[in-house]
Amino acid sequence: MIVCLCRGVADHVIRATIAEGGDTRERLVDACGAGTDCGSCVWMLDAMLDEVQDADYSDPARQSHLTIGESACGATSRSSPS
């Protein structure tokens, strides 16, 4: 299912980004741009983060390791072709 219509980012991509350390909305935005344009998907990003974080509380050994600046999502930008 597409979560961010503006950037074309699907739920499975967002879940993979969260699993790779995108454990805050800010990190998700930095990694794949979801939630940066119209903002209508922000509630879904928050819900997905809450879902994963509730599960993570039972695993204290989990560590975040997202490197900001790398493209974790593979979403395309909205720039027009030259």
PDB file of N, CA and C in Angstrom:
ATOM      1  N   MET A   1       0.842  -1.166   0.000  1.00  0.00           N
ATOM      2  CA  MET A   1       0.000   0.000   0.000  1.00  0.00           C
ATOM      3  C   MET A   1       0.895   1.240   0.000  1.00  0.00           C
ATOM      4  N   ILE A   2       0.537   2.225  -0.799  1.00  0.00           N
ATOM      5  CA  ILE A   2       1.269   3.486  -0.838  1.00  0.00           C
ATOM      6  C   ILE A   2       0.851   4.326   0.370  1.00  0.00           C
ATOM      7  N   VAL A   3       1.825   4.762   1.152  1.00  0.00           N
ATOM      8  CA  VAL A   3       1.567   5.598   2.320  1.00  0.00           C
ATOM      9  C   VAL A   3       1.723   7.063   1.952  1.00  0.00           C
ATOM     10  N   CYS A   4       2.809   7.400   1.281  1.00  0.00           N
ATOM     11  CA  CYS A   4       3.063   8.782   0.875  1.00  0.00           C
ATOM     12  C   CYS A   4       2.801   8.896  -0.627  1.00  0.00           C
ATOM     13  N   LEU A   5       1.660   9.491  -0.961  1.00  0.00           N
ATOM     14  CA  LEU A   5       1.309   9.639  -2.374  1.00  0.00           C
ATOM     15  C   LEU A   5       2.224  10.618  -3.088  1.00  0.00           C
ATOM     16  N   CYS A   6       2.643  11.659  -2.395  1.00  0.00           N
ATOM     17  CA  CYS A   6       3.497  12.679  -3.021  1.00  0.00           C
ATOM     18  C   CYS A   6       4.829  12.100  -3.486  1.00  0.00           C
ATOM     19  N   ARG A   7       5.413  11.221  -2.684  1.00  0.00           N
ATOM     20  CA  ARG A   7       6.723  10.635  -2.999  1.00  0.00           C
ATOM     21  C   ARG A   7       6.625   9.202  -3.507  1.00  0.00           C
ATOM     22  N   GLY A   8       5.441   8.614  -3.464  1.00  0.00           N
ATOM     23  CA  GLY A   8       5.263   7.242  -3.935  1.00  0.00           C
ATOM     24  C   GLY A   8       5.950   6.215  -3.048  1.00  0.00           C
ATOM     25  N   VAL A   9       5.928   6.437  -1.737  1.00  0.00           N
ATOM     26  CA  VAL A   9       6.610   5.541  -0.799  1.00  0.00           C
ATOM     27  C   VAL A   9       5.601   4.560  -0.217  1.00  0.00           C
ATOM     28  N   ALA A  10       5.890   3.273  -0.375  1.00  0.00           N
ATOM     29  CA  ALA A  10       4.999   2.214   0.089  1.00  0.00           C
ATOM     30  C   ALA A  10       5.263   1.842   1.543  1.00  0.00           C
ATOM     31  N   ASP A  11       4.274   1.203   2.156  1.00  0.00           N
ATOM     32  CA  ASP A  11       4.387   0.807   3.558  1.00  0.00           C
ATOM     33  C   ASP A  11       5.547  -0.144   3.803  1.00  0.00           C
ATOM     34  N   HIS A  12       5.781  -1.086   2.891  1.00  0.00           N
ATOM     35  CA  HIS A  12       6.882  -2.044   3.099  1.00  0.00           C
ATOM     36  C   HIS A  12       8.238  -1.345   3.073  1.00  0.00           C
ATOM     37  N   VAL A  13       8.347  -0.274   2.315  1.00  0.00           N
ATOM     38  CA  VAL A  13       9.589   0.493   2.260  1.00  0.00           C
ATOM     39  C   VAL A  13       9.783   1.257   3.572  1.00  0.00           C
ATOM     40  N   ILE A  14       8.699   1.831   4.079  1.00  0.00           N
ATOM     41  CA  ILE A  14       8.783   2.558   5.345  1.00  0.00           C
ATOM     42  C   ILE A  14       9.123   1.598   6.480  1.00  0.00           C
ATOM     43  N   ARG A  15       8.502   0.419   6.493  1.00  0.00           N
ATOM     44  CA  ARG A  15       8.813  -0.572   7.530  1.00  0.00           C
ATOM     45  C   ARG A  15      10.281  -1.004   7.464  1.00  0.00           C
ATOM     46  N   ALA A  16      10.806  -1.168   6.268  1.00  0.00           N
ATOM     47  CA  ALA A  16      12.225  -1.531   6.117  1.00  0.00           C
ATOM     48  C   ALA A  16      13.118  -0.399   6.619  1.00  0.00           C
ATOM     49  N   THR A  17      12.738   0.839   6.347  1.00  0.00           N
ATOM     50  CA  THR A  17      13.503   1.988   6.816  1.00  0.00           C
ATOM     51  C   THR A  17      13.485   2.059   8.333  1.00  0.00           C
ATOM     52  N   ILE A  18      12.334   1.795   8.939  1.00  0.00           N
ATOM     53  CA  ILE A  18      12.227   1.772  10.392  1.00  0.00           C
ATOM     54  C   ILE A  18      13.125   0.675  10.954  1.00  0.00           C
ATOM     55  N   ALA A  19      13.106  -0.489  10.339  1.00  0.00           N
ATOM     56  CA  ALA A  19      13.924  -1.616  10.799  1.00  0.00           C
ATOM     57  C   ALA A  19      15.415  -1.320  10.698  1.00  0.00           C
ATOM     58  N   GLU A  20      15.800  -0.464   9.757  1.00  0.00           N
ATOM     59  CA  GLU A  20      17.206  -0.109   9.574  1.00  0.00           C
ATOM     60  C   GLU A  20      17.627   1.074  10.434  1.00  0.00           C
ATOM     61  N   GLY A  21      16.742   1.515  11.337  1.00  0.00           N
ATOM     62  CA  GLY A  21      17.114   2.574  12.267  1.00  0.00           C
ATOM     63  C   GLY A  21      16.342   3.861  12.138  1.00  0.00           C
ATOM     64  N   GLY A  22      15.410   3.947  11.226  1.00  0.00           N
ATOM     65  CA  GLY A  22      14.592   5.150  11.089  1.00  0.00           C
ATOM     66  C   GLY A  22      13.496   5.154  12.132  1.00  0.00           C
ATOM     67  N   ASP A  23      13.901   5.256  13.396  1.00  0.00           N
ATOM     68  CA  ASP A  23      12.960   5.048  14.502  1.00  0.00           C
ATOM     69  C   ASP A  23      12.284   6.317  15.013  1.00  0.00           C
ATOM     70  N   THR A  24      12.422   7.418  14.294  1.00  0.00           N
ATOM     71  CA  THR A  24      11.684   8.648  14.602  1.00  0.00           C
ATOM     72  C   THR A  24      11.141   9.192  13.286  1.00  0.00           C
ATOM     73  N   ARG A  25      10.124  10.053  13.387  1.00  0.00           N
ATOM     74  CA  ARG A  25       9.581  10.633  12.162  1.00  0.00           C
ATOM     75  C   ARG A  25      10.657  11.435  11.438  1.00  0.00           C
ATOM     76  N   GLU A  26      11.486  12.154  12.179  1.00  0.00           N
ATOM     77  CA  GLU A  26      12.538  12.955  11.555  1.00  0.00           C
ATOM     78  C   GLU A  26      13.511  12.080  10.768  1.00  0.00           C
ATOM     79  N   ARG A  27      13.865  10.938  11.305  1.00  0.00           N
ATOM     80  CA  ARG A  27      14.774  10.032  10.593  1.00  0.00           C
ATOM     81  C   ARG A  27      14.110   9.448   9.356  1.00  0.00           C
ATOM     82  N   LEU A  28      12.828   9.133   9.446  1.00  0.00           N
ATOM     83  CA  LEU A  28      12.111   8.647   8.264  1.00  0.00           C
ATOM     84  C   LEU A  28      12.089   9.711   7.174  1.00  0.00           C
ATOM     85  N   VAL A  29      11.776  10.935   7.565  1.00  0.00           N
ATOM     86  CA  VAL A  29      11.734  12.037   6.601  1.00  0.00           C
ATOM     87  C   VAL A  29      13.091  12.215   5.940  1.00  0.00           C
ATOM     88  N   ASP A  30      14.161  12.189   6.738  1.00  0.00           N
ATOM     89  CA  ASP A  30      15.508  12.331   6.181  1.00  0.00           C
ATOM     90  C   ASP A  30      15.859  11.185   5.243  1.00  0.00           C
ATOM     91  N   ALA A  31      15.410   9.989   5.567  1.00  0.00           N
ATOM     92  CA  ALA A  31      15.782   8.818   4.780  1.00  0.00           C
ATOM     93  C   ALA A  31      15.006   8.694   3.475  1.00  0.00           C
ATOM     94  N   CYS A  32      13.705   9.004   3.482  1.00  0.00           N
ATOM     95  CA  CYS A  32      12.935   8.751   2.261  1.00  0.00           C
ATOM     96  C   CYS A  32      12.014   9.878   1.834  1.00  0.00           C
ATOM     97  N   GLY A  33      11.919  10.939   2.594  1.00  0.00           N
ATOM     98  CA  GLY A  33      11.118  12.085   2.191  1.00  0.00           C
ATOM     99  C   GLY A  33       9.629  11.975   2.452  1.00  0.00           C
ATOM    100  N   ALA A  34       9.160  10.832   2.917  1.00  0.00           N
ATOM    101  CA  ALA A  34       7.735  10.680   3.202  1.00  0.00           C
ATOM    102  C   ALA A  34       7.335  11.688   4.268  1.00  0.00           C
ATOM    103  N   GLY A  35       6.228  12.365   4.044  1.00  0.00           N
ATOM    104  CA  GLY A  35       5.730  13.342   5.004  1.00  0.00           C
ATOM    105  C   GLY A  35       6.239  14.750   4.820  1.00  0.00           C
ATOM    106  N   THR A  36       7.049  14.987   3.801  1.00  0.00           N
ATOM    107  CA  THR A  36       7.650  16.315   3.632  1.00  0.00           C
ATOM    108  C   THR A  36       6.869  17.238   2.709  1.00  0.00           C
ATOM    109  N   ASP A  37       5.996  16.699   1.879  1.00  0.00           N
ATOM    110  CA  ASP A  37       5.295  17.554   0.917  1.00  0.00           C
ATOM    111  C   ASP A  37       3.970  18.050   1.494  1.00  0.00           C
ATOM    112  N   CYS A  38       2.896  17.322   1.322  1.00  0.00           N
ATOM    113  CA  CYS A  38       1.589  17.802   1.780  1.00  0.00           C
ATOM    114  C   CYS A  38       1.336  17.475   3.251  1.00  0.00           C
ATOM    115  N   GLY A  39       2.016  16.461   3.784  1.00  0.00           N
ATOM    116  CA  GLY A  39       1.878  16.112   5.201  1.00  0.00           C
ATOM    117  C   GLY A  39       0.701  15.220   5.544  1.00  0.00           C
ATOM    118  N   SER A  40      -0.086  14.816   4.562  1.00  0.00           N
ATOM    119  CA  SER A  40      -1.268  14.008   4.873  1.00  0.00           C
ATOM    120  C   SER A  40      -0.926  12.586   5.327  1.00  0.00           C
ATOM    121  N   CYS A  41       0.285  12.135   5.116  1.00  0.00           N
ATOM    122  CA  CYS A  41       0.676  10.780   5.526  1.00  0.00           C
ATOM    123  C   CYS A  41       1.357  10.746   6.896  1.00  0.00           C
ATOM    124  N   VAL A  42       1.550  11.903   7.511  1.00  0.00           N
ATOM    125  CA  VAL A  42       2.281  11.975   8.778  1.00  0.00           C
ATOM    126  C   VAL A  42       1.621  11.116   9.857  1.00  0.00           C
ATOM    127  N   TRP A  43       0.294  11.094   9.898  1.00  0.00           N
ATOM    128  CA  TRP A  43      -0.395  10.277  10.906  1.00  0.00           C
ATOM    129  C   TRP A  43      -0.085   8.799  10.713  1.00  0.00           C
ATOM    130  N   MET A  44       0.039   8.367   9.438  1.00  0.00           N
ATOM    131  CA  MET A  44       0.344   6.960   9.163  1.00  0.00           C
ATOM    132  C   MET A  44       1.791   6.650   9.538  1.00  0.00           C
ATOM    133  N   LEU A  45       2.710   7.567   9.276  1.00  0.00           N
ATOM    134  CA  LEU A  45       4.096   7.371   9.689  1.00  0.00           C
ATOM    135  C   LEU A  45       4.171   7.213  11.203  1.00  0.00           C
ATOM    136  N   ASP A  46       3.461   8.087  11.928  1.00  0.00           N
ATOM    137  CA  ASP A  46       3.455   8.014  13.386  1.00  0.00           C
ATOM    138  C   ASP A  46       2.865   6.691  13.873  1.00  0.00           C
ATOM    139  N   ALA A  47       1.789   6.242  13.236  1.00  0.00           N
ATOM    140  CA  ALA A  47       1.159   4.978  13.620  1.00  0.00           C
ATOM    141  C   ALA A  47       2.100   3.803  13.374  1.00  0.00           C
ATOM    142  N   MET A  48       2.815   3.821  12.260  1.00  0.00           N
ATOM    143  CA  MET A  48       3.758   2.747  11.954  1.00  0.00           C
ATOM    144  C   MET A  48       4.923   2.751  12.946  1.00  0.00           C
ATOM    145  N   LEU A  49       5.398   3.933  13.298  1.00  0.00           N
ATOM    146  CA  LEU A  49       6.465   4.044  14.296  1.00  0.00           C
ATOM    147  C   LEU A  49       5.988   3.533  15.649  1.00  0.00           C
ATOM    148  N   ASP A  50       4.778   3.917  16.061  1.00  0.00           N
ATOM    149  CA  ASP A  50       4.222   3.458  17.337  1.00  0.00           C
ATOM    150  C   ASP A  50       4.103   1.938  17.364  1.00  0.00           C
ATOM    151  N   GLU A  51       3.643   1.371  16.268  1.00  0.00           N
ATOM    152  CA  GLU A  51       3.480  -0.078  16.164  1.00  0.00           C
ATOM    153  C   GLU A  51       4.816  -0.794  16.364  1.00  0.00           C
ATOM    154  N   VAL A  52       5.840  -0.321  15.699  1.00  0.00           N
ATOM    155  CA  VAL A  52       7.155  -0.954  15.783  1.00  0.00           C
ATOM    156  C   VAL A  52       7.799  -0.700  17.144  1.00  0.00           C
ATOM    157  N   GLN A  53       7.659   0.500  17.674  1.00  0.00           N
ATOM    158  CA  GLN A  53       8.271   0.817  18.959  1.00  0.00           C
ATOM    159  C   GLN A  53       7.639   0.024  20.087  1.00  0.00           C
ATOM    160  N   ASP A  54       6.338  -0.228  20.031  1.00  0.00           N
ATOM    161  CA  ASP A  54       5.701  -1.069  21.039  1.00  0.00           C
ATOM    162  C   ASP A  54       6.310  -2.464  21.023  1.00  0.00           C
ATOM    163  N   ALA A  55       6.599  -2.985  19.840  1.00  0.00           N
ATOM    164  CA  ALA A  55       7.212  -4.306  19.717  1.00  0.00           C
ATOM    165  C   ALA A  55       8.661  -4.282  20.186  1.00  0.00           C
ATOM    166  N   ASP A  56       9.357  -3.158  19.954  1.00  0.00           N
ATOM    167  CA  ASP A  56      10.775  -3.061  20.305  1.00  0.00           C
ATOM    168  C   ASP A  56      11.023  -2.982  21.805  1.00  0.00           C
ATOM    169  N   TYR A  57      10.033  -2.554  22.581  1.00  0.00           N
ATOM    170  CA  TYR A  57      10.236  -2.443  24.014  1.00  0.00           C
ATOM    171  C   TYR A  57      10.555  -3.798  24.634  1.00  0.00           C
ATOM    172  N   SER A  58      10.151  -4.885  23.986  1.00  0.00           N
ATOM    173  CA  SER A  58      10.434  -6.214  24.507  1.00  0.00           C
ATOM    174  C   SER A  58      11.823  -6.706  24.103  1.00  0.00           C
ATOM    175  N   ASP A  59      12.537  -5.950  23.283  1.00  0.00           N
ATOM    176  CA  ASP A  59      13.862  -6.342  22.810  1.00  0.00           C
ATOM    177  C   ASP A  59      14.874  -5.240  23.127  1.00  0.00           C
ATOM    178  N   PRO A  60      15.391  -5.193  24.373  1.00  0.00           N
ATOM    179  CA  PRO A  60      16.293  -4.109  24.765  1.00  0.00           C
ATOM    180  C   PRO A  60      17.631  -4.116  24.037  1.00  0.00           C
ATOM    181  N   ALA A  61      17.973  -5.189  23.355  1.00  0.00           N
ATOM    182  CA  ALA A  61      19.261  -5.255  22.670  1.00  0.00           C
ATOM    183  C   ALA A  61      19.236  -4.554  21.316  1.00  0.00           C
ATOM    184  N   ARG A  62      18.046  -4.155  20.821  1.00  0.00           N
ATOM    185  CA  ARG A  62      17.940  -3.535  19.496  1.00  0.00           C
ATOM    186  C   ARG A  62      18.613  -2.167  19.513  1.00  0.00           C
ATOM    187  N   GLN A  63      19.410  -1.887  18.481  1.00  0.00           N
ATOM    188  CA  GLN A  63      20.133  -0.615  18.362  1.00  0.00           C
ATOM    189  C   GLN A  63      19.788   0.018  17.018  1.00  0.00           C
ATOM    190  N   SER A  64      19.602   1.333  16.992  1.00  0.00           N
ATOM    191  CA  SER A  64      19.393   2.055  15.742  1.00  0.00           C
ATOM    192  C   SER A  64      20.735   2.268  15.063  1.00  0.00           C
ATOM    193  N   HIS A  65      20.747   2.198  13.731  1.00  0.00           N
ATOM    194  CA  HIS A  65      21.999   2.403  13.010  1.00  0.00           C
ATOM    195  C   HIS A  65      21.797   3.073  11.655  1.00  0.00           C
ATOM    196  N   LEU A  66      20.796   3.933  11.535  1.00  0.00           N
ATOM    197  CA  LEU A  66      20.553   4.634  10.288  1.00  0.00           C
ATOM    198  C   LEU A  66      21.627   5.694  10.064  1.00  0.00           C
ATOM    199  N   THR A  67      22.193   5.697   8.889  1.00  0.00           N
ATOM    200  CA  THR A  67      23.157   6.724   8.534  1.00  0.00           C
ATOM    201  C   THR A  67      22.424   7.770   7.717  1.00  0.00           C
ATOM    202  N   ILE A  68      22.263   8.940   8.283  1.00  0.00           N
ATOM    203  CA  ILE A  68      21.560  10.013   7.589  1.00  0.00           C
ATOM    204  C   ILE A  68      22.385  10.434   6.381  1.00  0.00           C
ATOM    205  N   GLY A  69      21.699  10.631   5.285  1.00  0.00           N
ATOM    206  CA  GLY A  69      22.372  11.025   4.053  1.00  0.00           C
ATOM    207  C   GLY A  69      22.381   9.899   3.033  1.00  0.00           C
ATOM    208  N   GLU A  70      22.237   8.665   3.505  1.00  0.00           N
ATOM    209  CA  GLU A  70      22.129   7.550   2.578  1.00  0.00           C
ATOM    210  C   GLU A  70      20.676   7.385   2.199  1.00  0.00           C
ATOM    211  N   SER A  71      20.405   6.954   0.992  1.00  0.00           N
ATOM    212  CA  SER A  71      19.033   6.734   0.559  1.00  0.00           C
ATOM    213  C   SER A  71      18.586   5.358   1.010  1.00  0.00           C
ATOM    214  N   ALA A  72      17.748   5.330   2.028  1.00  0.00           N
ATOM    215  CA  ALA A  72      17.260   4.056   2.557  1.00  0.00           C
ATOM    216  C   ALA A  72      15.979   3.620   1.874  1.00  0.00           C
ATOM    217  N   CYS A  73      15.227   4.569   1.326  1.00  0.00           N
ATOM    218  CA  CYS A  73      13.915   4.234   0.785  1.00  0.00           C
ATOM    219  C   CYS A  73      13.918   3.948  -0.717  1.00  0.00           C
ATOM    220  N   GLY A  74      14.742   4.601  -1.450  1.00  0.00           N
ATOM    221  CA  GLY A  74      14.740   4.406  -2.888  1.00  0.00           C
ATOM    222  C   GLY A  74      13.585   5.108  -3.583  1.00  0.00           C
ATOM    223  N   ALA A  75      12.910   6.014  -2.877  1.00  0.00           N
ATOM    224  CA  ALA A  75      11.832   6.765  -3.489  1.00  0.00           C
ATOM    225  C   ALA A  75      12.403   7.778  -4.463  1.00  0.00           C
ATOM    226  N   THR A  76      11.649   8.073  -5.471  1.00  0.00           N
ATOM    227  CA  THR A  76      12.111   9.038  -6.462  1.00  0.00           C
ATOM    228  C   THR A  76      11.762  10.450  -6.017  1.00  0.00           C
ATOM    229  N   SER A  77      12.538  11.403  -6.432  1.00  0.00           N
ATOM    230  CA  SER A  77      12.235  12.793  -6.121  1.00  0.00           C
ATOM    231  C   SER A  77      11.199  13.310  -7.101  1.00  0.00           C
ATOM    232  N   ARG A  78      10.623  14.449  -6.778  1.00  0.00           N
ATOM    233  CA  ARG A  78       9.590  15.025  -7.622  1.00  0.00           C
ATOM    234  C   ARG A  78      10.152  16.016  -8.610  1.00  0.00           C
ATOM    235  N   SER A  79      11.433  16.045  -8.798  1.00  0.00           N
ATOM    236  CA  SER A  79      12.001  17.009  -9.734  1.00  0.00           C
ATOM    237  C   SER A  79      11.636  16.634 -11.167  1.00  0.00           C
ATOM    238  N   SER A  80      11.492  17.642 -11.988  1.00  0.00           N
ATOM    239  CA  SER A  80      11.132  17.402 -13.384  1.00  0.00           C
ATOM    240  C   SER A  80      12.379  17.021 -14.173  1.00  0.00           C
ATOM    241  N   PRO A  81      12.205  16.193 -15.214  1.00  0.00           N
ATOM    242  CA  PRO A  81      13.364  15.802 -16.023  1.00  0.00           C
ATOM    243  C   PRO A  81      13.933  16.980 -16.791  1.00  0.00           C
ATOM    244  N   SER A  82      15.212  16.938 -17.031  1.00  0.00           N
ATOM    245  CA  SER A  82      15.877  18.040 -17.754  1.00  0.00           C
ATOM    246  C   SER A  82      15.744  17.858 -19.243  1.00  0.00           C
TER     247      SER A  82
END
